[in-house]
Amino acid sequence: MTTAHQGHQGKLMLRIAVTKQLIMPMKR
């Protein structure tokens, strides 16, 4: 596993977390 791949995966996880936080309140 390369550092570049690790950084990309981290960005993806961060993006998913942000998206979830935005969607969660809307569903209520």
PDB file of N, CA and C in Angstrom:
ATOM      1  N   MET A   1       0.850  -1.198   0.000  1.00  0.00           N
ATOM      2  CA  MET A   1       0.000   0.000   0.000  1.00  0.00           C
ATOM      3  C   MET A   1       0.885   1.249   0.000  1.00  0.00           C
ATOM      4  N   THR A   2       0.616   2.158  -0.909  1.00  0.00           N
ATOM      5  CA  THR A   2       1.422   3.374  -1.012  1.00  0.00           C
ATOM      6  C   THR A   2       0.798   4.500  -0.191  1.00  0.00           C
ATOM      7  N   THR A   3       1.608   5.497   0.111  1.00  0.00           N
ATOM      8  CA  THR A   3       1.106   6.631   0.893  1.00  0.00           C
ATOM      9  C   THR A   3       0.051   7.394   0.100  1.00  0.00           C
ATOM     10  N   ALA A   4       0.233   7.466  -1.216  1.00  0.00           N
ATOM     11  CA  ALA A   4      -0.732   8.174  -2.065  1.00  0.00           C
ATOM     12  C   ALA A   4      -2.097   7.487  -1.974  1.00  0.00           C
ATOM     13  N   HIS A   5      -2.093   6.161  -1.999  1.00  0.00           N
ATOM     14  CA  HIS A   5      -3.348   5.413  -1.907  1.00  0.00           C
ATOM     15  C   HIS A   5      -3.989   5.634  -0.540  1.00  0.00           C
ATOM     16  N   GLN A   6      -3.159   5.638   0.503  1.00  0.00           N
ATOM     17  CA  GLN A   6      -3.671   5.837   1.854  1.00  0.00           C
ATOM     18  C   GLN A   6      -4.329   7.211   1.970  1.00  0.00           C
ATOM     19  N   GLY A   7      -3.682   8.224   1.380  1.00  0.00           N
ATOM     20  CA  GLY A   7      -4.225   9.581   1.432  1.00  0.00           C
ATOM     21  C   GLY A   7      -5.553   9.657   0.701  1.00  0.00           C
ATOM     22  N   HIS A   8      -5.644   8.975  -0.432  1.00  0.00           N
ATOM     23  CA  HIS A   8      -6.883   8.976  -1.214  1.00  0.00           C
ATOM     24  C   HIS A   8      -8.007   8.318  -0.417  1.00  0.00           C
ATOM     25  N   GLN A   9      -7.686   7.210   0.238  1.00  0.00           N
ATOM     26  CA  GLN A   9      -8.699   6.500   1.019  1.00  0.00           C
ATOM     27  C   GLN A   9      -9.171   7.368   2.183  1.00  0.00           C
ATOM     28  N   GLY A  10      -8.231   8.098   2.786  1.00  0.00           N
ATOM     29  CA  GLY A  10      -8.583   8.971   3.902  1.00  0.00           C
ATOM     30  C   GLY A  10      -9.525  10.073   3.444  1.00  0.00           C
ATOM     31  N   LYS A  11      -9.241  10.628   2.272  1.00  0.00           N
ATOM     32  CA  LYS A  11     -10.096  11.692   1.730  1.00  0.00           C
ATOM     33  C   LYS A  11     -11.490  11.149   1.457  1.00  0.00           C
ATOM     34  N   LEU A  12     -11.542   9.931   0.914  1.00  0.00           N
ATOM     35  CA  LEU A  12     -12.826   9.319   0.591  1.00  0.00           C
ATOM     36  C   LEU A  12     -13.648   9.118   1.865  1.00  0.00           C
ATOM     37  N   MET A  13     -13.010   8.593   2.912  1.00  0.00           N
ATOM     38  CA  MET A  13     -13.708   8.360   4.182  1.00  0.00           C
ATOM     39  C   MET A  13     -14.199   9.679   4.763  1.00  0.00           C
ATOM     40  N   LEU A  14     -13.360  10.710   4.666  1.00  0.00           N
ATOM     41  CA  LEU A  14     -13.734  12.022   5.191  1.00  0.00           C
ATOM     42  C   LEU A  14     -14.947  12.551   4.423  1.00  0.00           C
ATOM     43  N   ARG A  15     -14.921  12.384   3.112  1.00  0.00           N
ATOM     44  CA  ARG A  15     -16.032  12.854   2.273  1.00  0.00           C
ATOM     45  C   ARG A  15     -17.323  12.136   2.641  1.00  0.00           C
ATOM     46  N   ILE A  16     -17.228  10.817   2.884  1.00  0.00           N
ATOM     47  CA  ILE A  16     -18.407  10.029   3.248  1.00  0.00           C
ATOM     48  C   ILE A  16     -18.955  10.503   4.598  1.00  0.00           C
ATOM     49  N   ALA A  17     -18.048  10.776   5.540  1.00  0.00           N
ATOM     50  CA  ALA A  17     -18.469  11.234   6.865  1.00  0.00           C
ATOM     51  C   ALA A  17     -19.198  12.568   6.755  1.00  0.00           C
ATOM     52  N   VAL A  18     -18.666  13.472   5.940  1.00  0.00           N
ATOM     53  CA  VAL A  18     -19.302  14.789   5.761  1.00  0.00           C
ATOM     54  C   VAL A  18     -20.665  14.627   5.098  1.00  0.00           C
ATOM     55  N   THR A  19     -20.724  13.779   4.083  1.00  0.00           N
ATOM     56  CA  THR A  19     -21.991  13.552   3.379  1.00  0.00           C
ATOM     57  C   THR A  19     -23.027  12.972   4.336  1.00  0.00           C
ATOM     58  N   LYS A  20     -22.621  12.038   5.168  1.00  0.00           N
ATOM     59  CA  LYS A  20     -23.538  11.420   6.133  1.00  0.00           C
ATOM     60  C   LYS A  20     -24.071  12.473   7.095  1.00  0.00           C
ATOM     61  N   GLN A  21     -23.189  13.360   7.561  1.00  0.00           N
ATOM     62  CA  GLN A  21     -23.604  14.400   8.512  1.00  0.00           C
ATOM     63  C   GLN A  21     -24.599  15.347   7.852  1.00  0.00           C
ATOM     64  N   LEU A  22     -24.453  15.556   6.549  1.00  0.00           N
ATOM     65  CA  LEU A  22     -25.364  16.459   5.835  1.00  0.00           C
ATOM     66  C   LEU A  22     -26.706  15.778   5.577  1.00  0.00           C
ATOM     67  N   ILE A  23     -26.671  14.479   5.273  1.00  0.00           N
ATOM     68  CA  ILE A  23     -27.889  13.737   4.936  1.00  0.00           C
ATOM     69  C   ILE A  23     -28.696  13.389   6.201  1.00  0.00           C
ATOM     70  N   MET A  24     -28.031  13.010   7.264  1.00  0.00           N
ATOM     71  CA  MET A  24     -28.710  12.585   8.491  1.00  0.00           C
ATOM     72  C   MET A  24     -29.763  13.590   8.968  1.00  0.00           C
ATOM     73  N   PRO A  25     -29.424  14.877   9.132  1.00  0.00           N
ATOM     74  CA  PRO A  25     -30.425  15.841   9.599  1.00  0.00           C
ATOM     75  C   PRO A  25     -31.567  16.030   8.601  1.00  0.00           C
ATOM     76  N   MET A  26     -31.290  15.880   7.317  1.00  0.00           N
ATOM     77  CA  MET A  26     -32.329  16.057   6.295  1.00  0.00           C
ATOM     78  C   MET A  26     -33.373  14.944   6.363  1.00  0.00           C
ATOM     79  N   LYS A  27     -32.957  13.758   6.735  1.00  0.00           N
ATOM     80  CA  LYS A  27     -33.876  12.609   6.784  1.00  0.00           C
ATOM     81  C   LYS A  27     -34.905  12.776   7.902  1.00  0.00           C
ATOM     82  N   ARG A  28     -34.570  13.525   8.931  1.00  0.00           N
ATOM     83  CA  ARG A  28     -35.479  13.676  10.071  1.00  0.00           C
ATOM     84  C   ARG A  28     -36.720  14.453   9.668  1.00  0.00           C
TER      85      ARG A  28
END
